[in-house]
Amino acid sequence: ILQAERKPQQYPKVQEIIILDGSRAFASVYGKMYKYFNDEEEIHALCSFVMILGAEINLVEYKEEMSSLFSTSDRIESTAYKLQPYFRNLTPEELQVAFDLFYKKIKMAVKYKPKSKLRKAITLFKAMEGLALKDNISETYDWEKDCDGHITVHTVKGTHKDFIQLENAKKVAELINDILVSEMFPDMFLSRE
């Protein structure tokens, strides 16, 4: 996003940015809500990861079990094996990599402060059944704080985990297709809902 913004001559075709259920503020608030960067940061991050993935695990028992483990690698490995029944298409090693990336993304979002605002239009697709953050951030997930361009929001049925699957995926794909076609043919009238 920032490369297209800083070097528009190099990326002239980037007219609009499409975001799938997220923002810097969303990740930052979520990270702060789970009290990252204290002595139990791995446990809090792992709980967040499990919640976002929608695994049906008793979080009280899970936290106790994670607290009994002595190393971060043991906690991550244990979590990966607990998630395995929910994600049969992923190996425990892939789940460990996914957590590592998630954890780094959250840490980065909590610490990152942009130097300037985006000037491109943004279309945000957000899950109807979002995480319990609605009181802490705006309907646009605070993109107005990071973007001077027009912000369009589409709310799609589902959770963060599944709003781009099955029938919901078809709706999101149709809306994205409308956006792309309207950029290619700006004089053509399309319903963008």
N, C-alpha and C. Protein backbone atom coordinates (compact mmCIF):
# COMPACT_ATOMS: atom_id res chain seq x y z
N ILE A 1 0.83 -1.18 0.00
CA ILE A 1 0.00 0.00 0.00
C ILE A 1 0.88 1.25 0.00
N LEU A 2 1.82 1.27 0.91
CA LEU A 2 2.65 2.46 1.03
C LEU A 2 3.55 2.66 -0.18
N GLN A 3 4.01 1.57 -0.80
CA GLN A 3 4.83 1.71 -2.01
C GLN A 3 4.03 2.36 -3.12
N ALA A 4 2.79 1.94 -3.29
CA ALA A 4 1.94 2.52 -4.33
C ALA A 4 1.66 3.99 -4.04
N GLU A 5 1.56 4.32 -2.78
CA GLU A 5 1.29 5.70 -2.38
C GLU A 5 2.52 6.59 -2.58
N ARG A 6 3.68 6.08 -2.23
CA ARG A 6 4.91 6.88 -2.31
C ARG A 6 5.46 6.98 -3.72
N LYS A 7 5.20 5.98 -4.54
CA LYS A 7 5.73 5.96 -5.91
C LYS A 7 4.60 5.73 -6.90
N PRO A 8 3.68 6.69 -7.04
CA PRO A 8 2.52 6.49 -7.91
C PRO A 8 2.89 6.26 -9.37
N GLN A 9 4.02 6.83 -9.82
CA GLN A 9 4.44 6.61 -11.20
C GLN A 9 4.85 5.15 -11.43
N GLN A 10 5.33 4.48 -10.38
CA GLN A 10 5.73 3.08 -10.50
C GLN A 10 4.52 2.15 -10.42
N TYR A 11 3.46 2.59 -9.74
CA TYR A 11 2.26 1.78 -9.56
C TYR A 11 1.02 2.58 -9.99
N PRO A 12 0.96 3.00 -11.26
CA PRO A 12 -0.13 3.88 -11.68
C PRO A 12 -1.50 3.20 -11.69
N LYS A 13 -1.53 1.89 -11.75
CA LYS A 13 -2.81 1.20 -11.84
C LYS A 13 -3.50 1.03 -10.49
N VAL A 14 -2.82 1.31 -9.41
CA VAL A 14 -3.44 1.17 -8.09
C VAL A 14 -4.36 2.37 -7.88
N GLN A 15 -5.65 2.13 -8.02
CA GLN A 15 -6.64 3.19 -7.86
C GLN A 15 -7.32 3.12 -6.51
N GLU A 16 -7.56 1.90 -6.06
CA GLU A 16 -8.30 1.69 -4.83
C GLU A 16 -7.70 0.51 -4.09
N ILE A 17 -7.74 0.58 -2.79
CA ILE A 17 -7.19 -0.48 -1.95
C ILE A 17 -8.35 -1.24 -1.33
N ILE A 18 -8.30 -2.56 -1.43
CA ILE A 18 -9.35 -3.41 -0.88
C ILE A 18 -8.80 -4.11 0.35
N ILE A 19 -9.49 -3.95 1.47
CA ILE A 19 -9.06 -4.52 2.75
C ILE A 19 -10.09 -5.56 3.19
N LEU A 20 -9.61 -6.72 3.60
CA LEU A 20 -10.49 -7.78 4.08
C LEU A 20 -10.45 -7.85 5.60
N ASP A 21 -11.46 -7.27 6.24
CA ASP A 21 -11.71 -7.36 7.68
C ASP A 21 -10.50 -7.03 8.54
N GLY A 22 -9.93 -5.86 8.35
CA GLY A 22 -8.81 -5.51 9.20
C GLY A 22 -8.37 -4.08 9.04
N SER A 23 -7.52 -3.66 9.95
CA SER A 23 -6.89 -2.35 9.90
C SER A 23 -5.80 -2.32 10.95
N ARG A 24 -4.98 -1.31 10.86
CA ARG A 24 -3.94 -1.12 11.88
C ARG A 24 -4.59 -0.93 13.24
N ALA A 25 -5.64 -0.12 13.29
CA ALA A 25 -6.31 0.14 14.56
C ALA A 25 -6.96 -1.12 15.12
N PHE A 26 -7.56 -1.90 14.23
CA PHE A 26 -8.21 -3.15 14.64
C PHE A 26 -7.21 -4.07 15.32
N ALA A 27 -6.07 -4.28 14.68
CA ALA A 27 -5.04 -5.16 15.25
C ALA A 27 -4.44 -4.56 16.52
N SER A 28 -4.25 -3.25 16.53
CA SER A 28 -3.66 -2.60 17.69
C SER A 28 -4.58 -2.68 18.90
N VAL A 29 -5.86 -2.37 18.71
CA VAL A 29 -6.83 -2.45 19.81
C VAL A 29 -6.93 -3.88 20.30
N TYR A 30 -6.96 -4.82 19.38
CA TYR A 30 -7.05 -6.22 19.76
C TYR A 30 -5.82 -6.63 20.56
N GLY A 31 -4.67 -6.21 20.12
CA GLY A 31 -3.44 -6.52 20.84
C GLY A 31 -3.41 -5.91 22.23
N LYS A 32 -3.81 -4.65 22.33
CA LYS A 32 -3.83 -3.99 23.64
C LYS A 32 -4.88 -4.60 24.56
N MET A 33 -6.00 -5.03 23.96
CA MET A 33 -7.06 -5.63 24.75
C MET A 33 -6.57 -6.89 25.46
N TYR A 34 -5.66 -7.59 24.83
CA TYR A 34 -5.14 -8.81 25.43
C TYR A 34 -3.80 -8.58 26.12
N LYS A 35 -3.51 -7.32 26.42
CA LYS A 35 -2.36 -6.95 27.26
C LYS A 35 -1.04 -7.55 26.79
N TYR A 36 -0.72 -7.32 25.52
CA TYR A 36 0.56 -7.80 25.02
C TYR A 36 1.71 -7.09 25.71
N PHE A 37 2.84 -7.68 25.61
CA PHE A 37 4.11 -7.13 26.08
C PHE A 37 4.25 -7.16 27.60
N ASN A 38 3.59 -8.09 28.27
CA ASN A 38 3.86 -8.31 29.68
C ASN A 38 4.43 -9.72 29.83
N ASP A 39 4.53 -10.19 31.06
CA ASP A 39 5.17 -11.49 31.30
C ASP A 39 4.43 -12.66 30.65
N GLU A 40 3.14 -12.51 30.41
CA GLU A 40 2.37 -13.62 29.84
C GLU A 40 1.97 -13.36 28.39
N GLU A 41 2.78 -12.60 27.67
CA GLU A 41 2.39 -12.21 26.31
C GLU A 41 2.13 -13.38 25.39
N GLU A 42 2.91 -14.45 25.50
CA GLU A 42 2.69 -15.60 24.62
C GLU A 42 1.33 -16.23 24.87
N ILE A 43 0.96 -16.35 26.14
CA ILE A 43 -0.33 -16.98 26.47
C ILE A 43 -1.47 -16.12 25.95
N HIS A 44 -1.39 -14.81 26.15
CA HIS A 44 -2.44 -13.92 25.64
C HIS A 44 -2.51 -13.97 24.12
N ALA A 45 -1.37 -13.96 23.48
CA ALA A 45 -1.34 -14.02 22.02
C ALA A 45 -1.89 -15.34 21.51
N LEU A 46 -1.53 -16.43 22.16
CA LEU A 46 -2.05 -17.73 21.76
C LEU A 46 -3.56 -17.80 21.95
N CYS A 47 -4.07 -17.25 23.04
CA CYS A 47 -5.52 -17.21 23.25
C CYS A 47 -6.20 -16.41 22.14
N SER A 48 -5.62 -15.28 21.79
CA SER A 48 -6.16 -14.46 20.71
C SER A 48 -6.18 -15.24 19.40
N PHE A 49 -5.10 -15.92 19.13
CA PHE A 49 -4.96 -16.71 17.90
C PHE A 49 -6.05 -17.78 17.85
N VAL A 50 -6.24 -18.49 18.96
CA VAL A 50 -7.25 -19.55 19.03
C VAL A 50 -8.64 -18.97 18.83
N MET A 51 -8.91 -17.80 19.45
CA MET A 51 -10.23 -17.17 19.31
C MET A 51 -10.49 -16.74 17.87
N ILE A 52 -9.50 -16.12 17.24
CA ILE A 52 -9.68 -15.66 15.87
C ILE A 52 -9.93 -16.83 14.92
N LEU A 53 -9.24 -17.93 15.16
CA LEU A 53 -9.44 -19.10 14.31
C LEU A 53 -10.76 -19.80 14.57
N GLY A 54 -11.42 -19.45 15.66
CA GLY A 54 -12.73 -20.01 15.94
C GLY A 54 -12.71 -21.42 16.49
N ALA A 55 -11.58 -21.88 17.00
CA ALA A 55 -11.51 -23.22 17.57
C ALA A 55 -12.31 -23.25 18.87
N GLU A 56 -13.06 -24.30 19.06
CA GLU A 56 -13.90 -24.43 20.26
C GLU A 56 -13.09 -25.08 21.38
N ILE A 57 -12.31 -24.25 22.05
CA ILE A 57 -11.45 -24.71 23.14
C ILE A 57 -11.85 -23.92 24.39
N ASN A 58 -11.92 -24.60 25.53
CA ASN A 58 -12.20 -23.94 26.80
C ASN A 58 -10.99 -23.06 27.13
N LEU A 59 -11.17 -21.75 27.03
CA LEU A 59 -10.04 -20.84 27.18
C LEU A 59 -9.49 -20.79 28.60
N VAL A 60 -10.34 -21.01 29.60
CA VAL A 60 -9.84 -21.02 30.99
C VAL A 60 -8.88 -22.19 31.18
N GLU A 61 -9.32 -23.38 30.75
CA GLU A 61 -8.45 -24.56 30.86
C GLU A 61 -7.21 -24.40 29.99
N TYR A 62 -7.41 -23.83 28.81
CA TYR A 62 -6.30 -23.64 27.88
C TYR A 62 -5.23 -22.73 28.50
N LYS A 63 -5.67 -21.60 29.10
CA LYS A 63 -4.72 -20.68 29.74
C LYS A 63 -3.96 -21.37 30.87
N GLU A 64 -4.68 -22.16 31.66
CA GLU A 64 -4.02 -22.88 32.76
C GLU A 64 -2.97 -23.84 32.22
N GLU A 65 -3.34 -24.57 31.16
CA GLU A 65 -2.38 -25.51 30.57
C GLU A 65 -1.17 -24.77 30.01
N MET A 66 -1.40 -23.66 29.33
CA MET A 66 -0.29 -22.90 28.76
C MET A 66 0.61 -22.34 29.86
N SER A 67 0.01 -21.94 30.98
CA SER A 67 0.79 -21.42 32.11
C SER A 67 1.69 -22.47 32.72
N SER A 68 1.29 -23.74 32.60
CA SER A 68 2.10 -24.81 33.18
C SER A 68 3.30 -25.17 32.30
N LEU A 69 3.30 -24.71 31.06
CA LEU A 69 4.43 -24.99 30.16
C LEU A 69 5.50 -23.92 30.36
N PHE A 70 6.76 -24.32 30.22
CA PHE A 70 7.85 -23.42 30.59
C PHE A 70 8.42 -22.58 29.45
N SER A 71 8.21 -23.00 28.21
CA SER A 71 8.82 -22.23 27.12
C SER A 71 7.79 -21.84 26.08
N THR A 72 8.11 -20.79 25.36
CA THR A 72 7.25 -20.33 24.27
C THR A 72 7.09 -21.42 23.23
N SER A 73 8.18 -22.08 22.88
CA SER A 73 8.10 -23.12 21.85
C SER A 73 7.18 -24.26 22.29
N ASP A 74 7.21 -24.62 23.59
CA ASP A 74 6.31 -25.66 24.09
C ASP A 74 4.85 -25.21 23.99
N ARG A 75 4.59 -23.95 24.30
CA ARG A 75 3.22 -23.42 24.23
C ARG A 75 2.72 -23.42 22.78
N ILE A 76 3.58 -22.97 21.88
CA ILE A 76 3.19 -22.92 20.47
C ILE A 76 2.95 -24.33 19.94
N GLU A 77 3.84 -25.24 20.27
CA GLU A 77 3.69 -26.62 19.81
C GLU A 77 2.41 -27.24 20.37
N SER A 78 2.14 -27.04 21.64
CA SER A 78 0.93 -27.57 22.26
C SER A 78 -0.32 -26.99 21.60
N THR A 79 -0.30 -25.69 21.34
CA THR A 79 -1.43 -25.03 20.68
C THR A 79 -1.64 -25.59 19.28
N ALA A 80 -0.57 -25.78 18.55
CA ALA A 80 -0.67 -26.32 17.19
C ALA A 80 -1.33 -27.69 17.21
N TYR A 81 -0.97 -28.52 18.15
CA TYR A 81 -1.58 -29.86 18.23
C TYR A 81 -3.03 -29.78 18.68
N LYS A 82 -3.38 -28.82 19.53
CA LYS A 82 -4.78 -28.64 19.93
C LYS A 82 -5.64 -28.16 18.76
N LEU A 83 -5.05 -27.36 17.88
CA LEU A 83 -5.79 -26.83 16.74
C LEU A 83 -5.90 -27.82 15.59
N GLN A 84 -5.07 -28.83 15.58
CA GLN A 84 -5.00 -29.78 14.48
C GLN A 84 -6.38 -30.36 14.10
N PRO A 85 -7.23 -30.77 15.05
CA PRO A 85 -8.54 -31.33 14.66
C PRO A 85 -9.42 -30.33 13.91
N TYR A 86 -9.22 -29.05 14.14
CA TYR A 86 -10.03 -28.02 13.49
C TYR A 86 -9.50 -27.65 12.10
N PHE A 87 -8.24 -27.94 11.87
CA PHE A 87 -7.59 -27.55 10.62
C PHE A 87 -6.81 -28.74 10.07
N ARG A 88 -7.54 -29.75 9.63
CA ARG A 88 -6.91 -30.99 9.16
C ARG A 88 -6.04 -30.78 7.93
N ASN A 89 -6.30 -29.71 7.20
CA ASN A 89 -5.50 -29.44 5.99
C ASN A 89 -4.16 -28.78 6.31
N LEU A 90 -3.92 -28.46 7.59
CA LEU A 90 -2.65 -27.85 7.98
C LEU A 90 -1.89 -28.76 8.94
N THR A 91 -0.60 -28.82 8.76
CA THR A 91 0.24 -29.61 9.68
C THR A 91 0.49 -28.78 10.95
N PRO A 92 0.88 -29.43 12.03
CA PRO A 92 1.23 -28.67 13.24
C PRO A 92 2.33 -27.64 12.96
N GLU A 93 3.26 -28.00 12.09
CA GLU A 93 4.35 -27.06 11.75
C GLU A 93 3.80 -25.82 11.05
N GLU A 94 2.83 -26.02 10.15
CA GLU A 94 2.23 -24.88 9.45
C GLU A 94 1.44 -24.00 10.42
N LEU A 95 0.77 -24.62 11.38
CA LEU A 95 0.05 -23.85 12.39
C LEU A 95 1.03 -23.06 13.26
N GLN A 96 2.18 -23.63 13.54
CA GLN A 96 3.20 -22.91 14.32
C GLN A 96 3.69 -21.68 13.55
N VAL A 97 3.92 -21.85 12.25
CA VAL A 97 4.35 -20.72 11.41
C VAL A 97 3.24 -19.67 11.36
N ALA A 98 1.98 -20.12 11.24
CA ALA A 98 0.85 -19.18 11.20
C ALA A 98 0.79 -18.36 12.48
N PHE A 99 0.98 -19.02 13.63
CA PHE A 99 0.96 -18.28 14.89
C PHE A 99 2.11 -17.28 14.94
N ASP A 100 3.29 -17.71 14.54
CA ASP A 100 4.45 -16.83 14.57
C ASP A 100 4.19 -15.57 13.75
N LEU A 101 3.61 -15.73 12.56
CA LEU A 101 3.30 -14.58 11.71
C LEU A 101 2.23 -13.70 12.35
N PHE A 102 1.21 -14.34 12.92
CA PHE A 102 0.14 -13.60 13.61
C PHE A 102 0.72 -12.77 14.75
N TYR A 103 1.55 -13.38 15.55
CA TYR A 103 2.13 -12.73 16.71
C TYR A 103 2.99 -11.53 16.30
N LYS A 104 3.80 -11.72 15.27
CA LYS A 104 4.63 -10.62 14.78
C LYS A 104 3.77 -9.49 14.22
N LYS A 105 2.68 -9.84 13.53
CA LYS A 105 1.79 -8.84 12.96
C LYS A 105 1.15 -8.01 14.07
N ILE A 106 0.69 -8.67 15.13
CA ILE A 106 0.07 -7.95 16.24
C ILE A 106 1.08 -7.04 16.93
N LYS A 107 2.27 -7.55 17.19
CA LYS A 107 3.30 -6.72 17.83
C LYS A 107 3.61 -5.50 16.97
N MET A 108 3.71 -5.73 15.67
CA MET A 108 4.01 -4.63 14.76
C MET A 108 2.86 -3.61 14.76
N ALA A 109 1.62 -4.09 14.73
CA ALA A 109 0.48 -3.18 14.69
C ALA A 109 0.37 -2.34 15.96
N VAL A 110 0.69 -2.92 17.10
CA VAL A 110 0.64 -2.18 18.35
C VAL A 110 1.68 -1.07 18.36
N LYS A 111 2.85 -1.34 17.81
CA LYS A 111 3.95 -0.37 17.85
C LYS A 111 3.96 0.61 16.67
N TYR A 112 3.39 0.24 15.53
CA TYR A 112 3.50 1.03 14.31
C TYR A 112 2.66 2.31 14.37
N LYS A 113 3.25 3.40 14.00
CA LYS A 113 2.57 4.69 13.88
C LYS A 113 2.94 5.26 12.51
N PRO A 114 1.97 5.35 11.59
CA PRO A 114 2.30 5.85 10.25
C PRO A 114 2.74 7.32 10.27
N LYS A 115 3.65 7.65 9.36
CA LYS A 115 4.16 9.02 9.27
C LYS A 115 3.23 9.91 8.45
N SER A 116 2.44 9.28 7.58
CA SER A 116 1.51 10.06 6.77
C SER A 116 0.27 9.22 6.49
N LYS A 117 -0.76 9.89 5.97
CA LYS A 117 -2.00 9.19 5.65
C LYS A 117 -2.01 8.74 4.19
N LEU A 118 -2.74 7.66 3.94
CA LEU A 118 -2.96 7.22 2.57
C LEU A 118 -3.87 8.22 1.87
N ARG A 119 -3.69 8.40 0.57
CA ARG A 119 -4.54 9.30 -0.20
C ARG A 119 -5.38 8.55 -1.21
N LYS A 120 -5.37 7.24 -1.16
CA LYS A 120 -6.16 6.42 -2.08
C LYS A 120 -7.51 6.08 -1.45
N ALA A 121 -8.46 5.71 -2.31
CA ALA A 121 -9.75 5.22 -1.81
C ALA A 121 -9.55 3.82 -1.23
N ILE A 122 -10.32 3.52 -0.21
CA ILE A 122 -10.26 2.21 0.43
C ILE A 122 -11.65 1.60 0.45
N THR A 123 -11.72 0.32 0.14
CA THR A 123 -12.94 -0.45 0.33
C THR A 123 -12.65 -1.50 1.38
N LEU A 124 -13.40 -1.45 2.46
CA LEU A 124 -13.23 -2.38 3.57
C LEU A 124 -14.38 -3.37 3.56
N PHE A 125 -14.05 -4.64 3.50
CA PHE A 125 -15.02 -5.71 3.68
C PHE A 125 -14.86 -6.20 5.10
N LYS A 126 -15.93 -6.12 5.89
CA LYS A 126 -15.79 -6.57 7.27
C LYS A 126 -16.84 -7.62 7.60
N ALA A 127 -16.46 -8.51 8.50
CA ALA A 127 -17.35 -9.58 8.92
C ALA A 127 -18.45 -9.02 9.82
N MET A 128 -19.68 -9.48 9.58
CA MET A 128 -20.81 -9.02 10.37
C MET A 128 -20.65 -9.40 11.85
N GLU A 129 -20.15 -10.60 12.08
CA GLU A 129 -19.97 -11.08 13.45
C GLU A 129 -18.52 -10.85 13.86
N GLY A 130 -18.17 -9.58 13.96
CA GLY A 130 -16.80 -9.23 14.29
C GLY A 130 -16.47 -9.50 15.75
N LEU A 131 -15.22 -9.36 16.06
CA LEU A 131 -14.77 -9.50 17.43
C LEU A 131 -15.34 -8.35 18.25
N ALA A 132 -15.35 -8.49 19.54
CA ALA A 132 -15.98 -7.51 20.43
C ALA A 132 -15.15 -6.24 20.56
N LEU A 133 -14.93 -5.57 19.43
CA LEU A 133 -14.12 -4.35 19.44
C LEU A 133 -14.92 -3.13 19.02
N LYS A 134 -16.19 -3.31 18.72
CA LYS A 134 -16.97 -2.25 18.11
C LYS A 134 -17.03 -0.99 18.97
N ASP A 135 -16.94 -1.13 20.29
CA ASP A 135 -16.99 0.05 21.15
C ASP A 135 -15.68 0.82 21.12
N ASN A 136 -14.61 0.18 20.71
CA ASN A 136 -13.29 0.80 20.77
C ASN A 136 -12.86 1.47 19.48
N ILE A 137 -13.42 1.08 18.35
CA ILE A 137 -13.03 1.66 17.07
C ILE A 137 -14.27 1.96 16.24
N SER A 138 -14.10 2.77 15.22
CA SER A 138 -15.24 3.21 14.39
C SER A 138 -15.72 2.10 13.46
N GLU A 139 -16.83 2.39 12.79
CA GLU A 139 -17.39 1.44 11.82
C GLU A 139 -16.43 1.15 10.67
N THR A 140 -15.51 2.08 10.42
CA THR A 140 -14.53 1.88 9.35
C THR A 140 -13.23 1.28 9.89
N TYR A 141 -13.29 0.78 11.11
CA TYR A 141 -12.10 0.26 11.80
C TYR A 141 -11.02 1.33 11.90
N ASP A 142 -11.43 2.57 12.04
CA ASP A 142 -10.55 3.73 12.19
C ASP A 142 -9.67 4.02 10.97
N TRP A 143 -10.08 3.55 9.80
CA TRP A 143 -9.30 3.86 8.60
C TRP A 143 -9.27 5.36 8.34
N GLU A 144 -10.29 6.09 8.82
CA GLU A 144 -10.30 7.55 8.60
C GLU A 144 -9.12 8.23 9.28
N LYS A 145 -8.53 7.59 10.27
CA LYS A 145 -7.35 8.15 10.93
C LYS A 145 -6.07 7.93 10.12
N ASP A 146 -6.10 6.96 9.21
CA ASP A 146 -4.92 6.63 8.42
C ASP A 146 -5.11 6.89 6.92
N CYS A 147 -6.28 7.40 6.53
CA CYS A 147 -6.57 7.55 5.10
C CYS A 147 -7.36 8.83 4.85
N ASP A 148 -6.89 9.62 3.86
CA ASP A 148 -7.62 10.81 3.45
C ASP A 148 -8.54 10.53 2.27
N GLY A 149 -8.42 9.35 1.67
CA GLY A 149 -9.26 8.98 0.54
C GLY A 149 -10.65 8.55 1.00
N HIS A 150 -11.52 8.32 0.02
CA HIS A 150 -12.88 7.86 0.32
C HIS A 150 -12.85 6.44 0.88
N ILE A 151 -13.66 6.18 1.89
CA ILE A 151 -13.71 4.86 2.52
C ILE A 151 -15.11 4.29 2.32
N THR A 152 -15.19 3.13 1.68
CA THR A 152 -16.44 2.42 1.49
C THR A 152 -16.39 1.15 2.33
N VAL A 153 -17.49 0.88 3.04
CA VAL A 153 -17.53 -0.31 3.90
C VAL A 153 -18.64 -1.23 3.43
N HIS A 154 -18.32 -2.51 3.26
CA HIS A 154 -19.30 -3.55 2.98
C HIS A 154 -19.25 -4.54 4.13
N THR A 155 -20.40 -4.79 4.74
CA THR A 155 -20.47 -5.77 5.82
C THR A 155 -21.01 -7.07 5.24
N VAL A 156 -20.28 -8.15 5.49
CA VAL A 156 -20.62 -9.46 4.92
C VAL A 156 -20.93 -10.42 6.05
N LYS A 157 -21.96 -11.25 5.86
CA LYS A 157 -22.31 -12.25 6.88
C LYS A 157 -21.12 -13.14 7.20
N GLY A 158 -21.02 -13.50 8.48
CA GLY A 158 -19.98 -14.42 8.89
C GLY A 158 -19.03 -13.82 9.90
N THR A 159 -18.02 -14.60 10.24
CA THR A 159 -16.99 -14.19 11.20
C THR A 159 -15.71 -13.87 10.44
N HIS A 160 -14.71 -13.40 11.15
CA HIS A 160 -13.41 -13.11 10.54
C HIS A 160 -12.86 -14.36 9.85
N LYS A 161 -13.14 -15.51 10.43
CA LYS A 161 -12.61 -16.76 9.90
C LYS A 161 -13.33 -17.21 8.63
N ASP A 162 -14.65 -16.99 8.54
CA ASP A 162 -15.39 -17.61 7.44
C ASP A 162 -16.13 -16.65 6.50
N PHE A 163 -15.97 -15.34 6.67
CA PHE A 163 -16.77 -14.44 5.84
C PHE A 163 -16.37 -14.44 4.36
N ILE A 164 -15.25 -15.05 4.03
CA ILE A 164 -14.86 -15.16 2.62
C ILE A 164 -14.85 -16.62 2.18
N GLN A 165 -15.77 -17.40 2.74
CA GLN A 165 -15.90 -18.79 2.34
C GLN A 165 -17.32 -19.04 1.85
N LEU A 166 -17.49 -20.07 1.04
CA LEU A 166 -18.78 -20.54 0.54
C LEU A 166 -19.59 -19.41 -0.08
N GLU A 167 -20.88 -19.26 0.30
CA GLU A 167 -21.75 -18.26 -0.31
C GLU A 167 -21.24 -16.83 -0.06
N ASN A 168 -20.67 -16.61 1.11
CA ASN A 168 -20.14 -15.27 1.41
C ASN A 168 -19.01 -14.91 0.45
N ALA A 169 -18.20 -15.89 0.10
CA ALA A 169 -17.09 -15.65 -0.83
C ALA A 169 -17.62 -15.17 -2.18
N LYS A 170 -18.73 -15.73 -2.60
CA LYS A 170 -19.32 -15.34 -3.88
C LYS A 170 -19.75 -13.87 -3.83
N LYS A 171 -20.36 -13.45 -2.73
CA LYS A 171 -20.79 -12.06 -2.60
C LYS A 171 -19.58 -11.12 -2.59
N VAL A 172 -18.56 -11.47 -1.82
CA VAL A 172 -17.34 -10.64 -1.76
C VAL A 172 -16.70 -10.57 -3.15
N ALA A 173 -16.61 -11.71 -3.83
CA ALA A 173 -16.01 -11.74 -5.17
C ALA A 173 -16.79 -10.86 -6.15
N GLU A 174 -18.12 -10.91 -6.08
CA GLU A 174 -18.95 -10.08 -6.97
C GLU A 174 -18.71 -8.59 -6.69
N LEU A 175 -18.65 -8.22 -5.43
CA LEU A 175 -18.41 -6.82 -5.08
C LEU A 175 -17.02 -6.36 -5.52
N ILE A 176 -16.02 -7.20 -5.31
CA ILE A 176 -14.67 -6.85 -5.76
C ILE A 176 -14.64 -6.74 -7.28
N ASN A 177 -15.30 -7.65 -7.96
CA ASN A 177 -15.37 -7.59 -9.43
C ASN A 177 -16.02 -6.27 -9.87
N ASP A 178 -17.11 -5.86 -9.22
CA ASP A 178 -17.74 -4.58 -9.54
C ASP A 178 -16.77 -3.41 -9.37
N ILE A 179 -15.99 -3.45 -8.30
CA ILE A 179 -15.01 -2.39 -8.04
C ILE A 179 -13.98 -2.34 -9.16
N LEU A 180 -13.45 -3.50 -9.51
CA LEU A 180 -12.41 -3.55 -10.55
C LEU A 180 -12.95 -3.14 -11.91
N VAL A 181 -14.16 -3.59 -12.24
CA VAL A 181 -14.76 -3.22 -13.53
C VAL A 181 -15.03 -1.72 -13.56
N SER A 182 -15.51 -1.16 -12.45
CA SER A 182 -15.80 0.28 -12.45
C SER A 182 -14.53 1.11 -12.57
N GLU A 183 -13.39 0.57 -12.13
CA GLU A 183 -12.11 1.27 -12.31
C GLU A 183 -11.67 1.20 -13.77
N MET A 184 -11.92 0.05 -14.41
CA MET A 184 -11.51 -0.11 -15.81
C MET A 184 -12.42 0.67 -16.74
N PHE A 185 -13.72 0.75 -16.38
CA PHE A 185 -14.71 1.43 -17.21
C PHE A 185 -15.47 2.43 -16.35
N PRO A 186 -14.86 3.55 -16.01
CA PRO A 186 -15.47 4.49 -15.06
C PRO A 186 -16.79 5.09 -15.51
N ASP A 187 -17.08 5.11 -16.81
CA ASP A 187 -18.33 5.69 -17.29
C ASP A 187 -19.48 4.70 -17.26
N MET A 188 -19.17 3.45 -16.98
CA MET A 188 -20.19 2.40 -16.95
C MET A 188 -20.86 2.39 -15.58
N PHE A 189 -22.19 2.37 -15.53
CA PHE A 189 -22.90 2.38 -14.25
C PHE A 189 -22.98 0.96 -13.70
N LEU A 190 -22.51 0.80 -12.48
CA LEU A 190 -22.61 -0.48 -11.78
C LEU A 190 -23.16 -0.22 -10.39
N SER A 191 -23.96 -1.15 -9.93
CA SER A 191 -24.47 -1.05 -8.57
C SER A 191 -23.40 -1.51 -7.61
N ARG A 192 -23.02 -0.63 -6.68
CA ARG A 192 -21.99 -1.01 -5.70
C ARG A 192 -22.60 -1.14 -4.32
N GLU A 193 -23.90 -1.27 -4.25
CA GLU A 193 -24.63 -1.51 -3.00
C GLU A 193 -24.55 -0.37 -2.06
